[in-house]
C-alpha atoms as a PDB file:
ATOM      1  CA  UNK A   1     -61.512  87.546 -80.955  1.00  0.00           C
ATOM      2  CA  UNK A   2     -63.232  85.592 -83.598  1.00  0.00           C
ATOM      3  CA  UNK A   3     -66.159  82.836 -83.117  1.00  0.00           C
ATOM      4  CA  UNK A   4     -67.379  81.213 -86.175  1.00  0.00           C
ATOM      5  CA  UNK A   5     -70.397  79.147 -85.526  1.00  0.00           C
ATOM      6  CA  UNK A   6     -70.503  76.159 -88.138  1.00  0.00           C
ATOM      7  CA  UNK A   7     -74.251  75.800 -88.379  1.00  0.00           C
ATOM      8  CA  UNK A   8     -75.023  78.882 -89.367  1.00  0.00           C
ATOM      9  CA  UNK A   9     -72.442  80.772 -91.475  1.00  0.00           C
ATOM     10  CA  UNK A  10     -72.698  83.636 -88.850  1.00  0.00           C
ATOM     11  CA  UNK A  11     -69.685  85.402 -88.177  1.00  0.00           C
ATOM     12  CA  UNK A  12     -69.877  86.979 -84.895  1.00  0.00           C
ATOM     13  CA  UNK A  13     -67.062  89.552 -83.212  1.00  0.00           C
ATOM     14  CA  UNK A  14     -66.536  89.468 -79.843  1.00  0.00           C
ATOM     15  CA  UNK A  15     -64.035  92.452 -78.079  1.00  0.00           C
ATOM     16  CA  UNK A  16     -62.710  91.642 -74.711  1.00  0.00           C
ATOM     17  CA  UNK A  17     -62.396  93.404 -71.760  1.00  0.00           C
ATOM     18  CA  UNK A  18     -59.149  95.195 -70.463  1.00  0.00           C
ATOM     19  CA  UNK A  19     -60.963  95.497 -66.953  1.00  0.00           C
ATOM     20  CA  UNK A  20     -59.961  91.773 -65.655  1.00  0.00           C
ATOM     21  CA  UNK A  21     -63.327  90.688 -66.782  1.00  0.00           C
ATOM     22  CA  UNK A  22     -65.255  93.295 -64.582  1.00  0.00           C
ATOM     23  CA  UNK A  23     -67.204  93.602 -67.457  1.00  0.00           C
ATOM     24  CA  UNK A  24     -68.623  90.970 -69.575  1.00  0.00           C
ATOM     25  CA  UNK A  25     -67.797  90.933 -73.406  1.00  0.00           C
ATOM     26  CA  UNK A  26     -69.576  93.336 -75.467  1.00  0.00           C
ATOM     27  CA  UNK A  27     -70.720  91.929 -79.195  1.00  0.00           C
ATOM     28  CA  UNK A  28     -69.405  94.601 -81.574  1.00  0.00           C
ATOM     29  CA  UNK A  29     -70.504  93.316 -84.931  1.00  0.00           C
ATOM     30  CA  UNK A  30     -72.973  90.659 -86.683  1.00  0.00           C
ATOM     31  CA  UNK A  31     -72.467  89.609 -90.219  1.00  0.00           C
ATOM     32  CA  UNK A  32     -75.377  87.744 -91.853  1.00  0.00           C
ATOM     33  CA  UNK A  33     -75.233  85.984 -95.358  1.00  0.00           C
ATOM     34  CA  UNK A  34     -77.292  87.928 -97.467  1.00  0.00           C
ATOM     35  CA  UNK A  35     -79.414  85.111 -98.418  1.00  0.00           C
ATOM     36  CA  UNK A  36     -79.757  83.873 -95.200  1.00  0.00           C
ATOM     37  CA  UNK A  37     -80.622  86.992 -94.055  1.00  0.00           C
ATOM     38  CA  UNK A  38     -82.781  87.757 -96.522  1.00  0.00           C
ATOM     39  CA  UNK A  39     -84.678  84.376 -95.908  1.00  0.00           C
ATOM     40  CA  UNK A  40     -85.122  85.010 -91.769  1.00  0.00           C
ATOM     41  CA  UNK A  41     -86.648  88.627 -92.815  1.00  0.00           C
ATOM     42  CA  UNK A  42     -89.116  86.546 -94.693  1.00  0.00           C
ATOM     43  CA  UNK A  43     -90.092  83.358 -92.110  1.00  0.00           C
ATOM     44  CA  UNK A  44     -90.337  86.838 -89.726  1.00  0.00           C
ATOM     45  CA  UNK A  45     -93.003  89.057 -92.275  1.00  0.00           C
ATOM     46  CA  UNK A  46     -94.499  85.554 -93.357  1.00  0.00           C
ATOM     47  CA  UNK A  47     -93.360  86.429 -97.165  1.00  0.00           C
ATOM     48  CA  UNK A  48     -94.390  83.556 -99.287  1.00  0.00           C
ATOM     49  CA  UNK A  49     -92.622  82.978-102.468  1.00  0.00           C
ATOM     50  CA  UNK A  50     -95.018  81.247-105.331  1.00  0.00           C
ATOM     51  CA  UNK A  51     -93.634  79.824-108.189  1.00  0.00           C
ATOM     52  CA  UNK A  52     -95.725  80.158-111.149  1.00  0.00           C
ATOM     53  CA  UNK A  53     -96.379  79.059-115.346  1.00  0.00           C
ATOM     54  CA  UNK A  54     -98.180  81.303-117.415  1.00  0.00           C
ATOM     55  CA  UNK A  55     -99.216  81.087-120.890  1.00  0.00           C
ATOM     56  CA  UNK A  56     -99.750  84.281-123.233  1.00  0.00           C
ATOM     57  CA  UNK A  57    -100.129  85.106-127.149  1.00  0.00           C
ATOM     58  CA  UNK A  58     -97.360  87.609-127.533  1.00  0.00           C
ATOM     59  CA  UNK A  59     -99.028  89.639-130.859  1.00  0.00           C
ATOM     60  CA  UNK A  60     -99.847  92.486-128.491  1.00  0.00           C
ATOM     61  CA  UNK A  61     -96.891  92.560-125.910  1.00  0.00           C
ATOM     62  CA  UNK A  62     -93.727  94.243-126.342  1.00  0.00           C
ATOM     63  CA  UNK A  63     -91.425  91.458-124.994  1.00  0.00           C
ATOM     64  CA  UNK A  64     -91.686  90.083-121.612  1.00  0.00           C
ATOM     65  CA  UNK A  65     -89.689  92.397-119.551  1.00  0.00           C
ATOM     66  CA  UNK A  66     -90.936  95.216-117.995  1.00  0.00           C
ATOM     67  CA  UNK A  67     -90.955  98.769-119.920  1.00  0.00           C
ATOM     68  CA  UNK A  68     -91.890 102.244-118.837  1.00  0.00           C
ATOM     69  CA  UNK A  69     -94.146 102.695-121.928  1.00  0.00           C
ATOM     70  CA  UNK A  70     -95.043  99.567-123.665  1.00  0.00           C
ATOM     71  CA  UNK A  71     -97.526  96.655-122.746  1.00  0.00           C
ATOM     72  CA  UNK A  72     -95.135  93.772-121.782  1.00  0.00           C
ATOM     73  CA  UNK A  73     -96.068  90.366-120.019  1.00  0.00           C
ATOM     74  CA  UNK A  74     -94.727  91.231-117.018  1.00  0.00           C
ATOM     75  CA  UNK A  75     -95.716  94.758-116.447  1.00  0.00           C
ATOM     76  CA  UNK A  76     -99.484  93.486-116.984  1.00  0.00           C
ATOM     77  CA  UNK A  77     -98.765  90.213-114.620  1.00  0.00           C
ATOM     78  CA  UNK A  78     -97.005  92.718-111.628  1.00  0.00           C
ATOM     79  CA  UNK A  79    -100.551  95.054-111.687  1.00  0.00           C
ATOM     80  CA  UNK A  80    -102.788  92.129-111.993  1.00  0.00           C
ATOM     81  CA  UNK A  81    -100.644  91.367-108.755  1.00  0.00           C
ATOM     82  CA  UNK A  82    -100.789  94.779-107.430  1.00  0.00           C
ATOM     83  CA  UNK A  83    -105.006  94.773-107.334  1.00  0.00           C
ATOM     84  CA  UNK A  84    -104.986  91.072-105.578  1.00  0.00           C
ATOM     85  CA  UNK A  85    -102.335  92.090-102.636  1.00  0.00           C
ATOM     86  CA  UNK A  86    -103.240  95.784-102.403  1.00  0.00           C
ATOM     87  CA  UNK A  87     -99.079  96.304-103.087  1.00  0.00           C
ATOM     88  CA  UNK A  88     -96.511  96.503-105.599  1.00  0.00           C
ATOM     89  CA  UNK A  89     -94.667  92.937-106.348  1.00  0.00           C
ATOM     90  CA  UNK A  90     -91.781  92.266-108.138  1.00  0.00           C
ATOM     91  CA  UNK A  91     -91.897  89.169-110.999  1.00  0.00           C
ATOM     92  CA  UNK A  92     -88.920  87.587-112.007  1.00  0.00           C
ATOM     93  CA  UNK A  93     -88.991  84.846-115.013  1.00  0.00           C
ATOM     94  CA  UNK A  94     -87.518  82.277-116.101  1.00  0.00           C
ATOM     95  CA  UNK A  95     -87.103  83.479-120.109  1.00  0.00           C
ATOM     96  CA  UNK A  96     -87.278  86.467-121.903  1.00  0.00           C
ATOM     97  CA  UNK A  97     -89.211  86.455-125.219  1.00  0.00           C
ATOM     98  CA  UNK A  98     -89.014  89.166-127.216  1.00  0.00           C
ATOM     99  CA  UNK A  99     -92.235  91.015-128.974  1.00  0.00           C
ATOM    100  CA  UNK A 100     -94.715  88.682-130.848  1.00  0.00           C
ATOM    101  CA  UNK A 101     -93.328  85.618-128.959  1.00  0.00           C
ATOM    102  CA  UNK A 102     -95.960  83.004-127.153  1.00  0.00           C
ATOM    103  CA  UNK A 103     -95.340  80.964-124.555  1.00  0.00           C
ATOM    104  CA  UNK A 104     -97.039  77.641-123.451  1.00  0.00           C
ATOM    105  CA  UNK A 105     -95.327  77.818-120.240  1.00  0.00           C
ATOM    106  CA  UNK A 106     -93.127  80.496-119.143  1.00  0.00           C
ATOM    107  CA  UNK A 107     -91.721  79.894-115.186  1.00  0.00           C
ATOM    108  CA  UNK A 108     -91.806  82.794-112.660  1.00  0.00           C
ATOM    109  CA  UNK A 109     -91.442  83.677-109.414  1.00  0.00           C
ATOM    110  CA  UNK A 110     -92.825  86.739-106.762  1.00  0.00           C
ATOM    111  CA  UNK A 111     -92.747  86.993-103.391  1.00  0.00           C
ATOM    112  CA  UNK A 112     -95.894  87.946-101.432  1.00  0.00           C
ATOM    113  CA  UNK A 113     -96.542  89.282 -98.159  1.00  0.00           C
ATOM    114  CA  UNK A 114     -99.989  88.734 -97.612  1.00  0.00           C
ATOM    115  CA  UNK A 115    -101.778  92.377 -95.526  1.00  0.00           C
ATOM    116  CA  UNK A 116    -105.237  92.253 -94.069  1.00  0.00           C
ATOM    117  CA  UNK A 117    -107.011  95.150 -95.826  1.00  0.00           C
ATOM    118  CA  UNK A 118    -109.962  95.210 -93.118  1.00  0.00           C
ATOM    119  CA  UNK A 119    -106.754  95.944 -90.168  1.00  0.00           C
ATOM    120  CA  UNK A 120    -103.665  97.684 -92.472  1.00  0.00           C
ATOM    121  CA  UNK A 121    -100.205  96.263 -90.699  1.00  0.00           C
ATOM    122  CA  UNK A 122    -101.945  93.207 -89.842  1.00  0.00           C
ATOM    123  CA  UNK A 123     -99.857  90.472 -91.261  1.00  0.00           C
ATOM    124  CA  UNK A 124    -101.826  87.037 -92.524  1.00  0.00           C
ATOM    125  CA  UNK A 125    -100.958  83.686 -93.305  1.00  0.00           C
ATOM    126  CA  UNK A 126    -100.360  83.260 -96.798  1.00  0.00           C
ATOM    127  CA  UNK A 127    -102.685  82.757 -99.645  1.00  0.00           C
ATOM    128  CA  UNK A 128    -102.893  78.975-100.964  1.00  0.00           C
ATOM    129  CA  UNK A 129    -101.591  78.659-104.497  1.00  0.00           C
ATOM    130  CA  UNK A 130    -105.477  78.429-106.038  1.00  0.00           C
ATOM    131  CA  UNK A 131    -106.286  80.749-104.801  1.00  0.00           C
ATOM    132  CA  UNK A 132    -103.319  83.338-106.251  1.00  0.00           C
ATOM    133  CA  UNK A 133    -104.209  81.411-109.733  1.00  0.00           C
ATOM    134  CA  UNK A 134    -107.910  82.736-109.080  1.00  0.00           C
ATOM    135  CA  UNK A 135    -107.522  85.634-108.203  1.00  0.00           C
ATOM    136  CA  UNK A 136    -104.590  86.847-110.609  1.00  0.00           C
ATOM    137  CA  UNK A 137    -106.224  85.424-113.376  1.00  0.00           C
ATOM    138  CA  UNK A 138    -110.018  87.085-112.618  1.00  0.00           C
ATOM    139  CA  UNK A 139    -107.661  90.289-112.937  1.00  0.00           C
ATOM    140  CA  UNK A 140    -105.986  89.333-115.975  1.00  0.00           C
ATOM    141  CA  UNK A 141    -109.261  88.625-117.712  1.00  0.00           C
ATOM    142  CA  UNK A 142    -109.888  92.058-117.330  1.00  0.00           C
ATOM    143  CA  UNK A 143    -107.204  92.810-120.429  1.00  0.00           C
ATOM    144  CA  UNK A 144    -107.284  91.482-123.316  1.00  0.00           C
ATOM    145  CA  UNK A 145    -107.298  87.636-122.272  1.00  0.00           C
ATOM    146  CA  UNK A 146    -104.258  86.792-123.808  1.00  0.00           C
ATOM    147  CA  UNK A 147    -102.105  86.220-120.349  1.00  0.00           C
ATOM    148  CA  UNK A 148    -103.377  83.328-118.000  1.00  0.00           C
ATOM    149  CA  UNK A 149    -102.018  81.760-115.288  1.00  0.00           C
ATOM    150  CA  UNK A 150    -102.210  78.203-115.515  1.00  0.00           C
ATOM    151  CA  UNK A 151    -100.150  77.007-112.312  1.00  0.00           C
ATOM    152  CA  UNK A 152     -98.463  78.019-108.719  1.00  0.00           C
ATOM    153  CA  UNK A 153     -96.767  76.484-106.329  1.00  0.00           C
ATOM    154  CA  UNK A 154     -95.167  77.415-102.898  1.00  0.00           C
ATOM    155  CA  UNK A 155     -91.744  77.862-102.880  1.00  0.00           C
ATOM    156  CA  UNK A 156     -88.620  78.658-100.893  1.00  0.00           C
ATOM    157  CA  UNK A 157     -87.042  81.515-100.639  1.00  0.00           C
ATOM    158  CA  UNK A 158     -84.087  80.777-101.738  1.00  0.00           C
ATOM    159  CA  UNK A 159     -85.798  79.665-105.183  1.00  0.00           C
ATOM    160  CA  UNK A 160     -85.295  81.828-108.226  1.00  0.00           C
ATOM    161  CA  UNK A 161     -87.139  81.075-111.723  1.00  0.00           C
ATOM    162  CA  UNK A 162     -84.611  81.526-113.976  1.00  0.00           C
ATOM    163  CA  UNK A 163     -81.245  80.827-112.188  1.00  0.00           C
ATOM    164  CA  UNK A 164     -82.999  77.311-111.353  1.00  0.00           C
ATOM    165  CA  UNK A 165     -84.035  76.515-114.712  1.00  0.00           C
ATOM    166  CA  UNK A 166     -82.919  72.975-115.598  1.00  0.00           C
ATOM    167  CA  UNK A 167     -83.823  73.598-119.888  1.00  0.00           C
ATOM    168  CA  UNK A 168     -85.897  76.084-122.514  1.00  0.00           C
ATOM    169  CA  UNK A 169     -87.259  74.253-125.350  1.00  0.00           C
ATOM    170  CA  UNK A 170     -88.745  76.806-128.411  1.00  0.00           C
ATOM    171  CA  UNK A 171     -90.873  75.627-130.826  1.00  0.00           C
ATOM    172  CA  UNK A 172     -91.069  77.137-134.174  1.00  0.00           C
ATOM    173  CA  UNK A 173     -94.217  76.256-136.625  1.00  0.00           C
ATOM    174  CA  UNK A 174     -93.290  76.490-140.498  1.00  0.00           C
ATOM    175  CA  UNK A 175     -96.373  76.371-143.145  1.00  0.00           C
ATOM    176  CA  UNK A 176     -95.168  75.434-146.253  1.00  0.00           C
ATOM    177  CA  UNK A 177     -96.857  75.879-149.616  1.00  0.00           C
ATOM    178  CA  UNK A 178     -98.382  78.090-152.023  1.00  0.00           C
ATOM    179  CA  UNK A 179    -101.474  78.893-150.695  1.00  0.00           C
ATOM    180  CA  UNK A 180    -102.659  81.937-149.140  1.00  0.00           C
ATOM    181  CA  UNK A 181    -101.897  81.998-145.255  1.00  0.00           C
ATOM    182  CA  UNK A 182    -105.220  81.397-143.257  1.00  0.00           C
ATOM    183  CA  UNK A 183    -106.444  83.859-140.872  1.00  0.00           C
ATOM    184  CA  UNK A 184    -106.343  81.754-138.036  1.00  0.00           C
ATOM    185  CA  UNK A 185    -102.986  81.185-138.253  1.00  0.00           C
ATOM    186  CA  UNK A 186    -101.930  84.682-138.546  1.00  0.00           C
ATOM    187  CA  UNK A 187     -98.785  85.606-135.797  1.00  0.00           C
ATOM    188  CA  UNK A 188     -98.909  81.621-135.168  1.00  0.00           C
ATOM    189  CA  UNK A 189     -96.698  80.348-138.022  1.00  0.00           C
ATOM    190  CA  UNK A 190     -94.207  81.310-140.285  1.00  0.00           C
ATOM    191  CA  UNK A 191     -95.680  81.119-144.037  1.00  0.00           C
ATOM    192  CA  UNK A 192     -93.110  79.521-146.575  1.00  0.00           C
ATOM    193  CA  UNK A 193     -94.328  79.721-149.796  1.00  0.00           C
ATOM    194  CA  UNK A 194     -91.581  77.284-150.738  1.00  0.00           C
ATOM    195  CA  UNK A 195     -91.701  73.610-150.941  1.00  0.00           C
ATOM    196  CA  UNK A 196     -89.049  72.402-147.931  1.00  0.00           C
ATOM    197  CA  UNK A 197     -86.783  69.663-148.256  1.00  0.00           C
ATOM    198  CA  UNK A 198     -87.188  67.903-144.741  1.00  0.00           C
ATOM    199  CA  UNK A 199     -84.578  65.270-144.870  1.00  0.00           C
ATOM    200  CA  UNK A 200     -82.003  67.842-145.731  1.00  0.00           C
ATOM    201  CA  UNK A 201     -83.451  70.274-142.638  1.00  0.00           C
ATOM    202  CA  UNK A 202     -83.321  67.141-140.503  1.00  0.00           C
ATOM    203  CA  UNK A 203     -79.567  66.502-141.539  1.00  0.00           C
ATOM    204  CA  UNK A 204     -78.433  70.111-140.552  1.00  0.00           C
ATOM    205  CA  UNK A 205     -79.637  69.467-137.654  1.00  0.00           C
ATOM    206  CA  UNK A 206     -77.406  66.609-137.140  1.00  0.00           C
ATOM    207  CA  UNK A 207     -74.461  68.424-137.527  1.00  0.00           C
ATOM    208  CA  UNK A 208     -75.257  72.048-135.116  1.00  0.00           C
ATOM    209  CA  UNK A 209     -76.785  69.752-132.078  1.00  0.00           C
ATOM    210  CA  UNK A 210     -73.897  69.770-129.329  1.00  0.00           C
ATOM    211  CA  UNK A 211     -71.708  71.775-127.843  1.00  0.00           C
ATOM    212  CA  UNK A 212     -70.329  74.181-130.416  1.00  0.00           C
ATOM    213  CA  UNK A 213     -69.046  78.061-130.452  1.00  0.00           C
ATOM    214  CA  UNK A 214     -72.569  79.403-131.715  1.00  0.00           C
ATOM    215  CA  UNK A 215     -70.829  83.125-132.718  1.00  0.00           C
ATOM    216  CA  UNK A 216     -72.562  83.002-136.253  1.00  0.00           C
ATOM    217  CA  UNK A 217     -76.121  82.434-134.374  1.00  0.00           C
ATOM    218  CA  UNK A 218     -76.522  85.336-132.026  1.00  0.00           C
ATOM    219  CA  UNK A 219     -77.483  89.036-132.495  1.00  0.00           C
ATOM    220  CA  UNK A 220     -75.336  92.415-132.022  1.00  0.00           C
ATOM    221  CA  UNK A 221     -77.000  92.646-129.062  1.00  0.00           C
ATOM    222  CA  UNK A 222     -75.883  89.799-127.008  1.00  0.00           C
ATOM    223  CA  UNK A 223     -74.203  90.228-123.626  1.00  0.00           C
ATOM    224  CA  UNK A 224     -73.138  86.622-122.707  1.00  0.00           C
ATOM    225  CA  UNK A 225     -69.758  86.339-122.131  1.00  0.00           C
ATOM    226  CA  UNK A 226     -68.959  83.424-124.214  1.00  0.00           C
ATOM    227  CA  UNK A 227     -70.609  82.055-127.526  1.00  0.00           C
ATOM    228  CA  UNK A 228     -69.508  78.332-126.340  1.00  0.00           C
ATOM    229  CA  UNK A 229     -73.648  76.408-125.842  1.00  0.00           C
ATOM    230  CA  UNK A 230     -74.807  73.330-125.459  1.00  0.00           C
ATOM    231  CA  UNK A 231     -77.504  72.778-127.626  1.00  0.00           C
ATOM    232  CA  UNK A 232     -79.333  69.715-126.699  1.00  0.00           C
ATOM    233  CA  UNK A 233     -81.994  68.829-129.293  1.00  0.00           C
ATOM    234  CA  UNK A 234     -82.599  70.590-132.759  1.00  0.00           C
ATOM    235  CA  UNK A 235     -85.228  68.833-134.581  1.00  0.00           C
ATOM    236  CA  UNK A 236     -87.828  68.951-137.405  1.00  0.00           C
ATOM    237  CA  UNK A 237     -91.027  66.952-137.600  1.00  0.00           C
ATOM    238  CA  UNK A 238     -94.155  67.163-139.597  1.00  0.00           C
ATOM    239  CA  UNK A 239     -97.047  67.406-137.632  1.00  0.00           C
ATOM    240  CA  UNK A 240    -100.636  67.782-139.199  1.00  0.00           C
ATOM    241  CA  UNK A 241    -101.474  71.721-139.740  1.00  0.00           C
ATOM    242  CA  UNK A 242    -103.211  72.326-136.077  1.00  0.00           C
ATOM    243  CA  UNK A 243    -101.953  74.445-133.353  1.00  0.00           C
ATOM    244  CA  UNK A 244    -100.085  71.662-131.617  1.00  0.00           C
ATOM    245  CA  UNK A 245     -96.715  70.895-130.962  1.00  0.00           C
ATOM    246  CA  UNK A 246     -95.100  67.461-130.915  1.00  0.00           C
ATOM    247  CA  UNK A 247     -94.049  65.868-127.315  1.00  0.00           C
ATOM    248  CA  UNK A 248     -90.443  64.454-126.864  1.00  0.00           C
ATOM    249  CA  UNK A 249     -91.929  61.042-127.420  1.00  0.00           C
ATOM    250  CA  UNK A 250     -93.906  62.206-130.672  1.00  0.00           C
ATOM    251  CA  UNK A 251     -90.353  63.591-132.023  1.00  0.00           C
ATOM    252  CA  UNK A 252     -88.410  60.951-131.486  1.00  0.00           C
ATOM    253  CA  UNK A 253     -90.742  58.361-132.391  1.00  0.00           C
ATOM    254  CA  UNK A 254     -90.485  60.375-135.969  1.00  0.00           C
ATOM    255  CA  UNK A 255     -86.705  60.807-135.838  1.00  0.00           C
ATOM    256  CA  UNK A 256     -86.001  57.576-135.328  1.00  0.00           C
ATOM    257  CA  UNK A 257     -88.742  56.293-138.126  1.00  0.00           C
ATOM    258  CA  UNK A 258     -86.603  58.771-140.658  1.00  0.00           C
ATOM    259  CA  UNK A 259     -83.407  57.286-139.277  1.00  0.00           C
ATOM    260  CA  UNK A 260     -84.660  53.479-140.048  1.00  0.00           C
ATOM    261  CA  UNK A 261     -85.886  54.289-143.324  1.00  0.00           C
ATOM    262  CA  UNK A 262     -82.159  56.363-144.151  1.00  0.00           C
ATOM    263  CA  UNK A 263     -80.206  53.064-142.913  1.00  0.00           C
ATOM    264  CA  UNK A 264     -82.516  50.973-145.425  1.00  0.00           C
ATOM    265  CA  UNK A 265     -81.859  53.203-148.062  1.00  0.00           C
ATOM    266  CA  UNK A 266     -77.987  53.373-147.332  1.00  0.00           C
ATOM    267  CA  UNK A 267     -77.934  49.661-147.431  1.00  0.00           C
ATOM    268  CA  UNK A 268     -80.393  48.413-150.175  1.00  0.00           C
ATOM    269  CA  UNK A 269     -80.222  48.874-153.748  1.00  0.00           C
ATOM    270  CA  UNK A 270     -84.258  49.938-153.624  1.00  0.00           C
ATOM    271  CA  UNK A 271     -84.658  53.699-153.667  1.00  0.00           C
ATOM    272  CA  UNK A 272     -86.660  54.470-150.790  1.00  0.00           C
ATOM    273  CA  UNK A 273     -87.706  58.298-150.721  1.00  0.00           C
ATOM    274  CA  UNK A 274     -86.884  59.924-147.326  1.00  0.00           C
ATOM    275  CA  UNK A 275     -89.701  61.860-147.350  1.00  0.00           C
ATOM    276  CA  UNK A 276     -92.433  59.156-147.786  1.00  0.00           C
ATOM    277  CA  UNK A 277     -92.506  58.813-143.948  1.00  0.00           C
ATOM    278  CA  UNK A 278     -92.134  62.682-142.912  1.00  0.00           C
ATOM    279  CA  UNK A 279     -94.932  63.713-145.259  1.00  0.00           C
ATOM    280  CA  UNK A 280     -98.633  63.715-143.529  1.00  0.00           C
ATOM    281  CA  UNK A 281    -101.370  63.050-146.024  1.00  0.00           C
ATOM    282  CA  UNK A 282     -99.781  64.292-148.968  1.00  0.00           C
ATOM    283  CA  UNK A 283    -102.954  64.653-150.436  1.00  0.00           C
ATOM    284  CA  UNK A 284    -103.763  67.542-148.599  1.00  0.00           C
ATOM    285  CA  UNK A 285    -101.167  69.941-150.115  1.00  0.00           C
ATOM    286  CA  UNK A 286    -102.468  69.533-153.748  1.00  0.00           C
ATOM    287  CA  UNK A 287    -104.820  71.799-155.244  1.00  0.00           C
ATOM    288  CA  UNK A 288    -106.665  69.558-157.123  1.00  0.00           C
ATOM    289  CA  UNK A 289    -110.227  67.213-155.734  1.00  0.00           C
ATOM    290  CA  UNK A 290    -110.476  70.188-152.800  1.00  0.00           C
ATOM    291  CA  UNK A 291    -114.468  70.657-152.111  1.00  0.00           C
ATOM    292  CA  UNK A 292    -115.891  73.890-152.455  1.00  0.00           C
ATOM    293  CA  UNK A 293    -115.118  75.912-149.309  1.00  0.00           C
ATOM    294  CA  UNK A 294    -112.688  73.739-147.934  1.00  0.00           C
ATOM    295  CA  UNK A 295    -108.934  75.260-147.132  1.00  0.00           C
ATOM    296  CA  UNK A 296    -106.385  74.100-149.047  1.00  0.00           C
ATOM    297  CA  UNK A 297    -103.742  72.703-146.252  1.00  0.00           C
ATOM    298  CA  UNK A 298     -99.806  73.402-146.389  1.00  0.00           C
ATOM    299  CA  UNK A 299     -97.242  71.033-145.001  1.00  0.00           C
ATOM    300  CA  UNK A 300     -96.615  72.174-141.199  1.00  0.00           C
ATOM    301  CA  UNK A 301     -92.944  71.610-139.964  1.00  0.00           C
ATOM    302  CA  UNK A 302     -92.465  72.056-136.249  1.00  0.00           C
ATOM    303  CA  UNK A 303     -88.641  73.070-135.431  1.00  0.00           C
ATOM    304  CA  UNK A 304     -87.951  72.306-131.757  1.00  0.00           C
ATOM    305  CA  UNK A 305     -84.725  73.818-129.641  1.00  0.00           C
ATOM    306  CA  UNK A 306     -83.777  72.892-126.190  1.00  0.00           C
ATOM    307  CA  UNK A 307     -81.074  73.870-124.401  1.00  0.00           C
ATOM    308  CA  UNK A 308     -80.438  75.151-120.583  1.00  0.00           C
ATOM    309  CA  UNK A 309     -79.367  78.762-122.406  1.00  0.00           C
ATOM    310  CA  UNK A 310     -79.174  80.106-125.506  1.00  0.00           C
ATOM    311  CA  UNK A 311     -77.651  83.076-126.590  1.00  0.00           C
ATOM    312  CA  UNK A 312     -79.508  86.362-127.391  1.00  0.00           C
ATOM    313  CA  UNK A 313     -81.968  85.286-131.240  1.00  0.00           C
ATOM    314  CA  UNK A 314     -79.769  82.239-131.305  1.00  0.00           C
ATOM    315  CA  UNK A 315     -83.285  79.899-131.725  1.00  0.00           C
ATOM    316  CA  UNK A 316     -84.736  82.197-134.689  1.00  0.00           C
ATOM    317  CA  UNK A 317     -81.343  82.478-136.176  1.00  0.00           C
ATOM    318  CA  UNK A 318     -80.848  78.686-136.435  1.00  0.00           C
ATOM    319  CA  UNK A 319     -84.239  78.393-137.660  1.00  0.00           C
ATOM    320  CA  UNK A 320     -83.799  80.453-140.487  1.00  0.00           C
ATOM    321  CA  UNK A 321     -80.547  78.551-141.222  1.00  0.00           C
ATOM    322  CA  UNK A 322     -82.901  75.307-141.470  1.00  0.00           C
ATOM    323  CA  UNK A 323     -85.351  77.009-143.148  1.00  0.00           C
ATOM    324  CA  UNK A 324     -82.434  78.041-146.429  1.00  0.00           C
ATOM    325  CA  UNK A 325     -81.634  74.329-146.236  1.00  0.00           C
ATOM    326  CA  UNK A 326     -84.890  73.435-146.372  1.00  0.00           C
ATOM    327  CA  UNK A 327     -85.361  75.974-150.148  1.00  0.00           C
ATOM    328  CA  UNK A 328     -81.476  74.690-151.221  1.00  0.00           C
ATOM    329  CA  UNK A 329     -80.322  78.392-150.623  1.00  0.00           C
ATOM    330  CA  UNK A 330     -77.818  76.655-148.292  1.00  0.00           C
ATOM    331  CA  UNK A 331     -76.292  72.873-148.365  1.00  0.00           C
ATOM    332  CA  UNK A 332     -75.620  71.363-145.110  1.00  0.00           C
ATOM    333  CA  UNK A 333     -71.626  72.137-145.211  1.00  0.00           C
ATOM    334  CA  UNK A 334     -72.681  75.280-145.472  1.00  0.00           C
ATOM    335  CA  UNK A 335     -75.325  75.703-142.775  1.00  0.00           C
ATOM    336  CA  UNK A 336     -72.520  73.949-140.460  1.00  0.00           C
END
């Protein structure tokens, strides 16, 4: 007969004896649920799963995923953990980034069993998260100093950094203007020499945001089963030129100002330029009255794309379309 324990989800099968109960029934097979079995093993072996947030400059990395020959984010991070705990580890990231892409906070998880280095084989209590962060960063700084762990938390063994992620946010910085790009901005922004029409780009964002078929916005190597995605946010705002990314409150505030001006323009005979509120100190963008040794600033536009999941190269293709709309090479109907 088969006995199902409703509280543990373990299936236990018994084989009945034919000798009139002279011998007790024997257990022939025990089946465990995969995740629960792994969790039980982790508890017995004192394996701790850590959730960590990392930041990095992607210039020297050939993407985030581990590769056999090239330097990658996961490869360098696993090497640092190996030096810390004395054994190989496997790290799972919530988002995969391409070569040259930077991260303000990419989330990963890793399982660690703390083994005594003085008494090999002796299992110790897990490290505190602060200890993990300091120790791993110590080894990371011996590399190029372009990768850092910024936060560490203990999580349950069934938590998965990739599948539990609620949303992902990408930023693109566009510097608009004919001046050469500053050396300090190298690999940090896309330099567009033409002037960008911010209101037109914002109108294109309104068309693209939402639940759509994004077949035109994914690369040929995309392995997603469906091109249907929900784009929760696609916005463009102008900020002071600096390595700064606007918060959600900043973006909503400026979009509200732009919408108010748009409503005022449509309901009034007076001509109010939509770009008047979007320009950040337009005097900075001119070539006149600039003191010797002072750099002439570019207009800095930040594109923000937010969704639970993206298609392969979807964000960069969206930004390319917005840039084309901003330069006048595409109109909003073309971009849709």
